[in-house]
Amino acid sequence: MKNIFSTILLASGLMLSAQVGINTDSPKAKLDVNGDLNLRDKIAVLDATDNTLSIGNNDQLLVSQGEGYAPIWKTLRIPEYEPNKFYLIFNNSFSDKLGVDFSYSDEPNMSASKGATFTKGTSLGSLIGFKEITGLSQNISVFSTESKAYFQFETVVQANFGSNGTTDTSIDYACGIFVDDKLINLRQNNLKANSAQYPFMTHNQIGLIGNLSKGNHKVSVACSRVGSYGDAPNRRLSVGKNTNTNINNFIAQSSLKVEVYEVPQAFNTIIN
């Protein structure tokens, strides 16, 4: 009789408090366990989509959705890396609609040959006449000492030539891809006048650099007007923007795609 009475009192206390404490006199939740918890069977949570109990699948984790929401089962998608193989770690694209303009006065007076001036590793600051396409200047991160970074730069180059029907009027220009303000790739081209007004052309170049140091690096693109012929000194050159209304800045915009491949050496934690 005493045991029955104690059980009734305990049940009444549970119904009144709606909180149960194990090894604690002050439970802070409906079930508060102060100590080790050993589960001998399954854990089930309410599936809000069909109002059934779900026990999850093998290798799933129970993930909180925040206060007021039932937890859900989630599957960890962990890539399996093979040693000494490169994997795509970073992939992004950037665009710029502002571009850069060049007049004849922007041409540098090159005392040395172009072959001697445009060499790998040359600093951007020492290349006179180069203008940076600001929207393409971005930071990337490298996590391994074994890496390969690929860069694809595309833009439109236009000059406000008249329709003189001759190729004697033309402009030489050059564009470079830089990492940490050091030249890693350069392409030079020539835009010629023709029978149409305001000619333009698509410029595309690909650069590659290997084994950047671990950490953050700045990627940038800059171009220069390097030579004018015929009537070109009286004309304007634009890279990544229009000089006249036969095209607009959307058509002429510049883009830069960056891909970083690495042999993984360090891994971020999956659960914080």
C-alpha atoms as a PDB file:
ATOM      1  CA  MET A   1       0.000   0.000   0.000  1.00  0.00           C
ATOM      2  CA  LYS A   2       2.867   2.382   0.821  1.00  0.00           C
ATOM      3  CA  ASN A   3       4.518   1.708  -2.554  1.00  0.00           C
ATOM      4  CA  ILE A   4       1.240   2.335  -4.382  1.00  0.00           C
ATOM      5  CA  PHE A   5       0.778   5.635  -2.554  1.00  0.00           C
ATOM      6  CA  SER A   6       4.376   6.716  -3.405  1.00  0.00           C
ATOM      7  CA  THR A   7       3.843   5.880  -7.053  1.00  0.00           C
ATOM      8  CA  ILE A   8       0.651   7.969  -7.133  1.00  0.00           C
ATOM      9  CA  LEU A   9       2.456  10.940  -5.586  1.00  0.00           C
ATOM     10  CA  LEU A  10       5.353  10.645  -8.075  1.00  0.00           C
ATOM     11  CA  ALA A  11       2.973  10.476 -11.033  1.00  0.00           C
ATOM     12  CA  SER A  12       1.067  13.490  -9.745  1.00  0.00           C
ATOM     13  CA  GLY A  13       4.321  15.432  -9.370  1.00  0.00           C
ATOM     14  CA  LEU A  14       5.349  14.605 -12.936  1.00  0.00           C
ATOM     15  CA  MET A  15       2.018  15.749 -14.329  1.00  0.00           C
ATOM     16  CA  LEU A  16       2.157  19.022 -12.385  1.00  0.00           C
ATOM     17  CA  SER A  17       5.760  19.956 -13.179  1.00  0.00           C
ATOM     18  CA  ALA A  18       5.900  18.454 -16.730  1.00  0.00           C
ATOM     19  CA  GLN A  19       9.666  18.146 -16.191  1.00  0.00           C
ATOM     20  CA  VAL A  20      11.700  15.116 -15.161  1.00  0.00           C
ATOM     21  CA  GLY A  21      15.184  15.345 -13.721  1.00  0.00           C
ATOM     22  CA  ILE A  22      17.535  12.387 -13.457  1.00  0.00           C
ATOM     23  CA  ASN A  23      20.360  13.001 -10.994  1.00  0.00           C
ATOM     24  CA  THR A  24      19.214  16.631 -10.646  1.00  0.00           C
ATOM     25  CA  ASP A  25      16.629  18.343  -8.434  1.00  0.00           C
ATOM     26  CA  SER A  26      16.246  21.275 -10.825  1.00  0.00           C
ATOM     27  CA  PRO A  27      15.454  19.989 -14.327  1.00  0.00           C
ATOM     28  CA  LYS A  28      15.763  22.643 -17.023  1.00  0.00           C
ATOM     29  CA  ALA A  29      13.864  20.703 -19.709  1.00  0.00           C
ATOM     30  CA  LYS A  30      11.074  18.160 -19.929  1.00  0.00           C
ATOM     31  CA  LEU A  31      13.795  15.531 -19.512  1.00  0.00           C
ATOM     32  CA  ASP A  32      17.055  16.637 -17.899  1.00  0.00           C
ATOM     33  CA  VAL A  33      19.735  13.949 -17.502  1.00  0.00           C
ATOM     34  CA  ASN A  34      22.767  14.875 -15.417  1.00  0.00           C
ATOM     35  CA  GLY A  35      25.207  12.116 -16.303  1.00  0.00           C
ATOM     36  CA  ASP A  36      25.889   9.482 -18.928  1.00  0.00           C
ATOM     37  CA  LEU A  37      23.098   8.380 -21.258  1.00  0.00           C
ATOM     38  CA  ASN A  38      23.070   4.846 -22.629  1.00  0.00           C
ATOM     39  CA  LEU A  39      20.571   4.083 -25.394  1.00  0.00           C
ATOM     40  CA  ARG A  40      19.922   0.395 -26.017  1.00  0.00           C
ATOM     41  CA  ASP A  41      17.531   0.816 -28.936  1.00  0.00           C
ATOM     42  CA  LYS A  42      16.518   3.398 -31.531  1.00  0.00           C
ATOM     43  CA  ILE A  43      15.963   7.170 -31.475  1.00  0.00           C
ATOM     44  CA  ALA A  44      12.887   8.380 -33.333  1.00  0.00           C
ATOM     45  CA  VAL A  45      11.801  11.930 -34.197  1.00  0.00           C
ATOM     46  CA  LEU A  46       8.525  13.213 -35.569  1.00  0.00           C
ATOM     47  CA  ASP A  47       8.562  13.746 -39.318  1.00  0.00           C
ATOM     48  CA  ALA A  48       6.521  16.908 -39.868  1.00  0.00           C
ATOM     49  CA  THR A  49       5.823  16.096 -43.535  1.00  0.00           C
ATOM     50  CA  ASP A  50       3.682  13.029 -42.878  1.00  0.00           C
ATOM     51  CA  ASN A  51       3.310  13.097 -39.046  1.00  0.00           C
ATOM     52  CA  THR A  52       5.153   9.789 -38.575  1.00  0.00           C
ATOM     53  CA  LEU A  53       8.115   8.784 -36.460  1.00  0.00           C
ATOM     54  CA  SER A  54      11.431   8.554 -38.280  1.00  0.00           C
ATOM     55  CA  ILE A  55      14.477   6.672 -37.017  1.00  0.00           C
ATOM     56  CA  GLY A  56      16.764   7.853 -39.835  1.00  0.00           C
ATOM     57  CA  ASN A  57      19.161   5.812 -41.935  1.00  0.00           C
ATOM     58  CA  ASN A  58      22.658   4.431 -41.377  1.00  0.00           C
ATOM     59  CA  ASP A  59      25.345   7.142 -40.975  1.00  0.00           C
ATOM     60  CA  GLN A  60      22.824   9.958 -40.537  1.00  0.00           C
ATOM     61  CA  LEU A  61      23.070  12.622 -37.836  1.00  0.00           C
ATOM     62  CA  LEU A  62      20.289  14.232 -35.829  1.00  0.00           C
ATOM     63  CA  VAL A  63      20.488  17.968 -36.569  1.00  0.00           C
ATOM     64  CA  SER A  64      18.757  20.767 -34.667  1.00  0.00           C
ATOM     65  CA  GLN A  65      16.575  23.199 -36.639  1.00  0.00           C
ATOM     66  CA  GLY A  66      16.423  25.732 -33.821  1.00  0.00           C
ATOM     67  CA  GLU A  67      14.038  26.478 -31.002  1.00  0.00           C
ATOM     68  CA  GLY A  68      10.448  25.481 -31.652  1.00  0.00           C
ATOM     69  CA  TYR A  69      11.258  23.068 -34.471  1.00  0.00           C
ATOM     70  CA  ALA A  70      11.727  19.312 -34.340  1.00  0.00           C
ATOM     71  CA  PRO A  71      15.226  18.005 -35.183  1.00  0.00           C
ATOM     72  CA  ILE A  72      15.727  16.218 -38.494  1.00  0.00           C
ATOM     73  CA  TRP A  73      18.020  13.505 -39.812  1.00  0.00           C
ATOM     74  CA  LYS A  74      20.795  14.689 -42.131  1.00  0.00           C
ATOM     75  CA  THR A  75      23.307  12.788 -44.270  1.00  0.00           C
ATOM     76  CA  LEU A  76      26.943  13.907 -44.225  1.00  0.00           C
ATOM     77  CA  ARG A  77      28.348  14.180 -47.743  1.00  0.00           C
ATOM     78  CA  ILE A  78      32.092  13.789 -47.233  1.00  0.00           C
ATOM     79  CA  PRO A  79      34.198  13.475 -50.406  1.00  0.00           C
ATOM     80  CA  GLU A  80      36.696  10.632 -50.491  1.00  0.00           C
ATOM     81  CA  TYR A  81      40.131  11.967 -51.451  1.00  0.00           C
ATOM     82  CA  GLU A  82      42.786   9.795 -53.003  1.00  0.00           C
ATOM     83  CA  PRO A  83      46.384  10.656 -52.134  1.00  0.00           C
ATOM     84  CA  ASN A  84      48.541  12.646 -54.591  1.00  0.00           C
ATOM     85  CA  LYS A  85      45.605  13.601 -56.823  1.00  0.00           C
ATOM     86  CA  PHE A  86      44.381  17.115 -57.615  1.00  0.00           C
ATOM     87  CA  TYR A  87      40.824  18.111 -56.742  1.00  0.00           C
ATOM     88  CA  LEU A  88      38.835  21.225 -57.574  1.00  0.00           C
ATOM     89  CA  ILE A  89      38.775  23.209 -54.327  1.00  0.00           C
ATOM     90  CA  PHE A  90      37.773  26.696 -55.529  1.00  0.00           C
ATOM     91  CA  ASN A  91      35.656  27.725 -58.515  1.00  0.00           C
ATOM     92  CA  ASN A  92      34.167  31.166 -59.075  1.00  0.00           C
ATOM     93  CA  SER A  93      33.517  33.791 -61.769  1.00  0.00           C
ATOM     94  CA  PHE A  94      33.607  37.571 -61.593  1.00  0.00           C
ATOM     95  CA  SER A  95      32.461  40.334 -63.942  1.00  0.00           C
ATOM     96  CA  ASP A  96      33.073  44.041 -64.527  1.00  0.00           C
ATOM     97  CA  LYS A  97      31.011  46.499 -66.601  1.00  0.00           C
ATOM     98  CA  LEU A  98      33.145  49.604 -65.949  1.00  0.00           C
ATOM     99  CA  GLY A  99      36.158  48.650 -68.063  1.00  0.00           C
ATOM    100  CA  VAL A 100      39.049  50.982 -68.889  1.00  0.00           C
ATOM    101  CA  ASP A 101      39.629  53.684 -71.515  1.00  0.00           C
ATOM    102  CA  PHE A 102      42.862  54.633 -73.306  1.00  0.00           C
ATOM    103  CA  SER A 103      43.799  57.706 -75.284  1.00  0.00           C
ATOM    104  CA  TYR A 104      47.008  58.146 -77.253  1.00  0.00           C
ATOM    105  CA  SER A 105      48.580  59.946 -74.280  1.00  0.00           C
ATOM    106  CA  ASP A 106      48.234  56.757 -72.184  1.00  0.00           C
ATOM    107  CA  GLU A 107      50.739  54.887 -74.353  1.00  0.00           C
ATOM    108  CA  PRO A 108      53.996  54.293 -72.467  1.00  0.00           C
ATOM    109  CA  ASN A 109      57.307  55.308 -73.987  1.00  0.00           C
ATOM    110  CA  MET A 110      58.884  51.864 -74.042  1.00  0.00           C
ATOM    111  CA  SER A 111      62.664  52.145 -74.023  1.00  0.00           C
ATOM    112  CA  ALA A 112      63.065  48.345 -74.003  1.00  0.00           C
ATOM    113  CA  SER A 113      61.490  45.824 -76.363  1.00  0.00           C
ATOM    114  CA  LYS A 114      58.132  44.299 -75.522  1.00  0.00           C
ATOM    115  CA  GLY A 115      59.806  40.924 -75.114  1.00  0.00           C
ATOM    116  CA  ALA A 116      62.092  42.366 -72.470  1.00  0.00           C
ATOM    117  CA  THR A 117      59.334  44.371 -70.755  1.00  0.00           C
ATOM    118  CA  PHE A 118      56.563  41.776 -70.564  1.00  0.00           C
ATOM    119  CA  THR A 119      58.212  39.004 -68.563  1.00  0.00           C
ATOM    120  CA  LYS A 120      56.712  36.620 -66.037  1.00  0.00           C
ATOM    121  CA  GLY A 121      56.877  37.916 -62.478  1.00  0.00           C
ATOM    122  CA  THR A 122      57.045  41.596 -63.436  1.00  0.00           C
ATOM    123  CA  SER A 123      55.204  43.728 -60.876  1.00  0.00           C
ATOM    124  CA  LEU A 124      52.073  45.550 -61.990  1.00  0.00           C
ATOM    125  CA  GLY A 125      53.383  48.823 -60.553  1.00  0.00           C
ATOM    126  CA  SER A 126      56.433  48.770 -62.834  1.00  0.00           C
ATOM    127  CA  LEU A 127      54.389  48.283 -66.024  1.00  0.00           C
ATOM    128  CA  ILE A 128      53.739  51.881 -67.069  1.00  0.00           C
ATOM    129  CA  GLY A 129      50.415  52.512 -68.806  1.00  0.00           C
ATOM    130  CA  PHE A 130      48.601  49.455 -67.435  1.00  0.00           C
ATOM    131  CA  LYS A 131      45.132  50.087 -65.997  1.00  0.00           C
ATOM    132  CA  GLU A 132      43.480  47.606 -63.644  1.00  0.00           C
ATOM    133  CA  ILE A 133      39.955  46.360 -64.367  1.00  0.00           C
ATOM    134  CA  THR A 134      38.756  46.910 -60.818  1.00  0.00           C
ATOM    135  CA  GLY A 135      35.766  44.560 -60.733  1.00  0.00           C
ATOM    136  CA  LEU A 136      37.992  41.580 -61.567  1.00  0.00           C
ATOM    137  CA  SER A 137      40.348  42.146 -58.611  1.00  0.00           C
ATOM    138  CA  GLN A 138      39.415  39.401 -56.151  1.00  0.00           C
ATOM    139  CA  ASN A 139      40.945  37.387 -53.309  1.00  0.00           C
ATOM    140  CA  ILE A 140      41.292  33.610 -53.372  1.00  0.00           C
ATOM    141  CA  SER A 141      42.489  31.159 -50.702  1.00  0.00           C
ATOM    142  CA  VAL A 142      44.911  28.255 -51.150  1.00  0.00           C
ATOM    143  CA  PHE A 143      45.085  25.478 -48.537  1.00  0.00           C
ATOM    144  CA  SER A 144      47.776  23.188 -49.963  1.00  0.00           C
ATOM    145  CA  THR A 145      51.389  23.620 -51.056  1.00  0.00           C
ATOM    146  CA  GLU A 146      50.551  21.515 -54.146  1.00  0.00           C
ATOM    147  CA  SER A 147      48.118  23.477 -56.280  1.00  0.00           C
ATOM    148  CA  LYS A 148      47.309  24.637 -59.802  1.00  0.00           C
ATOM    149  CA  ALA A 149      45.324  27.817 -60.383  1.00  0.00           C
ATOM    150  CA  TYR A 150      43.670  28.435 -63.772  1.00  0.00           C
ATOM    151  CA  PHE A 151      42.376  31.821 -64.946  1.00  0.00           C
ATOM    152  CA  GLN A 152      40.203  32.543 -67.973  1.00  0.00           C
ATOM    153  CA  PHE A 153      39.789  36.217 -68.877  1.00  0.00           C
ATOM    154  CA  GLU A 154      37.382  37.385 -71.569  1.00  0.00           C
ATOM    155  CA  THR A 155      36.451  40.909 -72.661  1.00  0.00           C
ATOM    156  CA  VAL A 156      35.568  43.068 -75.661  1.00  0.00           C
ATOM    157  CA  VAL A 157      37.994  45.625 -77.110  1.00  0.00           C
ATOM    158  CA  GLN A 158      36.639  48.522 -79.175  1.00  0.00           C
ATOM    159  CA  ALA A 159      38.049  51.627 -80.890  1.00  0.00           C
ATOM    160  CA  ASN A 160      36.144  54.605 -82.250  1.00  0.00           C
ATOM    161  CA  PHE A 161      37.668  54.288 -85.710  1.00  0.00           C
ATOM    162  CA  GLY A 162      35.843  55.788 -88.659  1.00  0.00           C
ATOM    163  CA  SER A 163      34.815  53.671 -91.624  1.00  0.00           C
ATOM    164  CA  ASN A 164      37.925  54.361 -93.714  1.00  0.00           C
ATOM    165  CA  GLY A 165      38.143  50.877 -95.186  1.00  0.00           C
ATOM    166  CA  THR A 166      41.869  50.485 -94.523  1.00  0.00           C
ATOM    167  CA  THR A 167      43.918  48.468 -92.041  1.00  0.00           C
ATOM    168  CA  ASP A 168      46.679  51.091 -91.903  1.00  0.00           C
ATOM    169  CA  THR A 169      44.908  52.529 -88.864  1.00  0.00           C
ATOM    170  CA  SER A 170      45.249  50.163 -85.898  1.00  0.00           C
ATOM    171  CA  ILE A 171      46.094  49.967 -82.186  1.00  0.00           C
ATOM    172  CA  ASP A 172      48.258  47.447 -80.336  1.00  0.00           C
ATOM    173  CA  TYR A 173      47.114  46.567 -76.821  1.00  0.00           C
ATOM    174  CA  ALA A 174      48.111  44.065 -74.124  1.00  0.00           C
ATOM    175  CA  CYS A 175      46.275  42.489 -71.195  1.00  0.00           C
ATOM    176  CA  GLY A 176      47.863  40.679 -68.275  1.00  0.00           C
ATOM    177  CA  ILE A 177      46.656  38.406 -65.486  1.00  0.00           C
ATOM    178  CA  PHE A 178      48.344  39.080 -62.154  1.00  0.00           C
ATOM    179  CA  VAL A 179      48.584  37.188 -58.862  1.00  0.00           C
ATOM    180  CA  ASP A 180      49.692  39.266 -55.889  1.00  0.00           C
ATOM    181  CA  ASP A 181      50.445  42.044 -58.423  1.00  0.00           C
ATOM    182  CA  LYS A 182      52.950  39.811 -60.269  1.00  0.00           C
ATOM    183  CA  LEU A 183      52.457  39.055 -63.975  1.00  0.00           C
ATOM    184  CA  ILE A 184      51.678  35.386 -64.653  1.00  0.00           C
ATOM    185  CA  ASN A 185      50.193  35.632 -68.166  1.00  0.00           C
ATOM    186  CA  LEU A 186      50.059  38.242 -70.955  1.00  0.00           C
ATOM    187  CA  ARG A 187      48.476  38.413 -74.392  1.00  0.00           C
ATOM    188  CA  GLN A 188      48.991  41.141 -76.993  1.00  0.00           C
ATOM    189  CA  ASN A 189      46.715  41.846 -79.950  1.00  0.00           C
ATOM    190  CA  ASN A 190      45.974  44.455 -82.611  1.00  0.00           C
ATOM    191  CA  LEU A 191      42.617  46.049 -83.426  1.00  0.00           C
ATOM    192  CA  LYS A 192      42.397  47.296 -87.019  1.00  0.00           C
ATOM    193  CA  ALA A 193      40.101  49.764 -88.730  1.00  0.00           C
ATOM    194  CA  ASN A 194      37.852  48.392 -91.465  1.00  0.00           C
ATOM    195  CA  SER A 195      34.927  49.405 -93.640  1.00  0.00           C
ATOM    196  CA  ALA A 196      32.594  49.570 -90.604  1.00  0.00           C
ATOM    197  CA  GLN A 197      32.561  52.265 -87.950  1.00  0.00           C
ATOM    198  CA  TYR A 198      33.620  51.542 -84.379  1.00  0.00           C
ATOM    199  CA  PRO A 199      35.044  48.022 -84.838  1.00  0.00           C
ATOM    200  CA  PHE A 200      35.326  45.688 -81.851  1.00  0.00           C
ATOM    201  CA  MET A 201      36.718  42.253 -81.129  1.00  0.00           C
ATOM    202  CA  THR A 202      36.502  39.601 -78.413  1.00  0.00           C
ATOM    203  CA  HIS A 203      39.675  39.064 -76.389  1.00  0.00           C
ATOM    204  CA  ASN A 204      40.189  35.760 -74.568  1.00  0.00           C
ATOM    205  CA  GLN A 205      43.201  34.484 -72.635  1.00  0.00           C
ATOM    206  CA  ILE A 206      43.981  31.691 -70.185  1.00  0.00           C
ATOM    207  CA  GLY A 207      46.627  31.789 -67.470  1.00  0.00           C
ATOM    208  CA  LEU A 208      48.077  29.162 -65.136  1.00  0.00           C
ATOM    209  CA  ILE A 209      50.225  29.262 -62.028  1.00  0.00           C
ATOM    210  CA  GLY A 210      51.321  26.328 -59.887  1.00  0.00           C
ATOM    211  CA  ASN A 211      52.096  25.800 -56.217  1.00  0.00           C
ATOM    212  CA  LEU A 212      51.034  29.118 -54.731  1.00  0.00           C
ATOM    213  CA  SER A 213      51.888  29.471 -51.071  1.00  0.00           C
ATOM    214  CA  LYS A 214      49.177  28.545 -48.578  1.00  0.00           C
ATOM    215  CA  GLY A 215      46.990  31.500 -47.630  1.00  0.00           C
ATOM    216  CA  ASN A 216      45.190  34.356 -49.355  1.00  0.00           C
ATOM    217  CA  HIS A 217      46.180  35.737 -52.759  1.00  0.00           C
ATOM    218  CA  LYS A 218      44.968  38.678 -54.832  1.00  0.00           C
ATOM    219  CA  VAL A 219      44.014  38.011 -58.463  1.00  0.00           C
ATOM    220  CA  SER A 220      43.733  40.950 -60.872  1.00  0.00           C
ATOM    221  CA  VAL A 221      43.619  41.860 -64.566  1.00  0.00           C
ATOM    222  CA  ALA A 222      45.129  44.966 -66.174  1.00  0.00           C
ATOM    223  CA  CYS A 223      45.486  46.176 -69.768  1.00  0.00           C
ATOM    224  CA  SER A 224      47.532  48.738 -71.677  1.00  0.00           C
ATOM    225  CA  ARG A 225      47.547  50.536 -75.018  1.00  0.00           C
ATOM    226  CA  VAL A 226      51.037  49.929 -76.404  1.00  0.00           C
ATOM    227  CA  GLY A 227      51.083  51.175 -80.021  1.00  0.00           C
ATOM    228  CA  SER A 228      49.146  53.346 -82.515  1.00  0.00           C
ATOM    229  CA  TYR A 229      49.348  53.472 -86.322  1.00  0.00           C
ATOM    230  CA  GLY A 230      47.838  55.610 -89.087  1.00  0.00           C
ATOM    231  CA  ASP A 231      45.017  57.778 -87.769  1.00  0.00           C
ATOM    232  CA  ALA A 232      44.920  55.858 -84.448  1.00  0.00           C
ATOM    233  CA  PRO A 233      46.572  58.625 -82.315  1.00  0.00           C
ATOM    234  CA  ASN A 234      43.325  60.580 -82.750  1.00  0.00           C
ATOM    235  CA  ARG A 235      41.177  57.657 -81.625  1.00  0.00           C
ATOM    236  CA  ARG A 236      40.115  56.148 -78.310  1.00  0.00           C
ATOM    237  CA  LEU A 237      40.491  52.505 -77.249  1.00  0.00           C
ATOM    238  CA  SER A 238      38.241  50.838 -74.673  1.00  0.00           C
ATOM    239  CA  VAL A 239      38.608  47.478 -72.954  1.00  0.00           C
ATOM    240  CA  GLY A 240      35.518  46.010 -71.284  1.00  0.00           C
ATOM    241  CA  LYS A 241      33.270  48.937 -72.245  1.00  0.00           C
ATOM    242  CA  ASN A 242      31.902  50.565 -75.366  1.00  0.00           C
ATOM    243  CA  THR A 243      33.239  53.621 -77.173  1.00  0.00           C
ATOM    244  CA  ASN A 244      30.056  54.091 -79.218  1.00  0.00           C
ATOM    245  CA  THR A 245      26.447  52.981 -79.230  1.00  0.00           C
ATOM    246  CA  ASN A 246      26.696  50.094 -81.693  1.00  0.00           C
ATOM    247  CA  ILE A 247      27.374  47.950 -78.605  1.00  0.00           C
ATOM    248  CA  ASN A 248      26.629  48.572 -74.919  1.00  0.00           C
ATOM    249  CA  ASN A 249      28.547  47.958 -71.706  1.00  0.00           C
ATOM    250  CA  PHE A 250      26.616  44.734 -71.073  1.00  0.00           C
ATOM    251  CA  ILE A 251      27.924  43.272 -74.326  1.00  0.00           C
ATOM    252  CA  ALA A 252      31.420  44.632 -73.767  1.00  0.00           C
ATOM    253  CA  GLN A 253      31.754  43.614 -70.089  1.00  0.00           C
ATOM    254  CA  SER A 254      34.771  41.694 -68.808  1.00  0.00           C
ATOM    255  CA  SER A 255      34.683  38.349 -67.002  1.00  0.00           C
ATOM    256  CA  LEU A 256      37.247  36.302 -65.097  1.00  0.00           C
ATOM    257  CA  LYS A 257      36.849  32.636 -64.183  1.00  0.00           C
ATOM    258  CA  VAL A 258      39.102  31.208 -61.460  1.00  0.00           C
ATOM    259  CA  GLU A 259      39.638  27.520 -60.673  1.00  0.00           C
ATOM    260  CA  VAL A 260      42.036  26.239 -58.008  1.00  0.00           C
ATOM    261  CA  TYR A 261      42.984  22.556 -57.954  1.00  0.00           C
ATOM    262  CA  GLU A 262      44.821  21.148 -54.941  1.00  0.00           C
ATOM    263  CA  VAL A 263      46.280  17.959 -53.544  1.00  0.00           C
ATOM    264  CA  PRO A 264      44.436  18.089 -50.199  1.00  0.00           C
ATOM    265  CA  GLN A 265      46.656  18.382 -47.154  1.00  0.00           C
ATOM    266  CA  ALA A 266      44.371  20.008 -44.559  1.00  0.00           C
ATOM    267  CA  PHE A 267      40.658  19.602 -43.987  1.00  0.00           C
ATOM    268  CA  ASN A 268      38.188  21.895 -42.275  1.00  0.00           C
ATOM    269  CA  THR A 269      36.174  20.374 -39.443  1.00  0.00           C
ATOM    270  CA  ILE A 270      32.766  19.059 -40.474  1.00  0.00           C
ATOM    271  CA  ILE A 271      31.010  19.934 -37.212  1.00  0.00           C
ATOM    272  CA  ASN A 272      31.841  23.149 -35.337  1.00  0.00           C
END
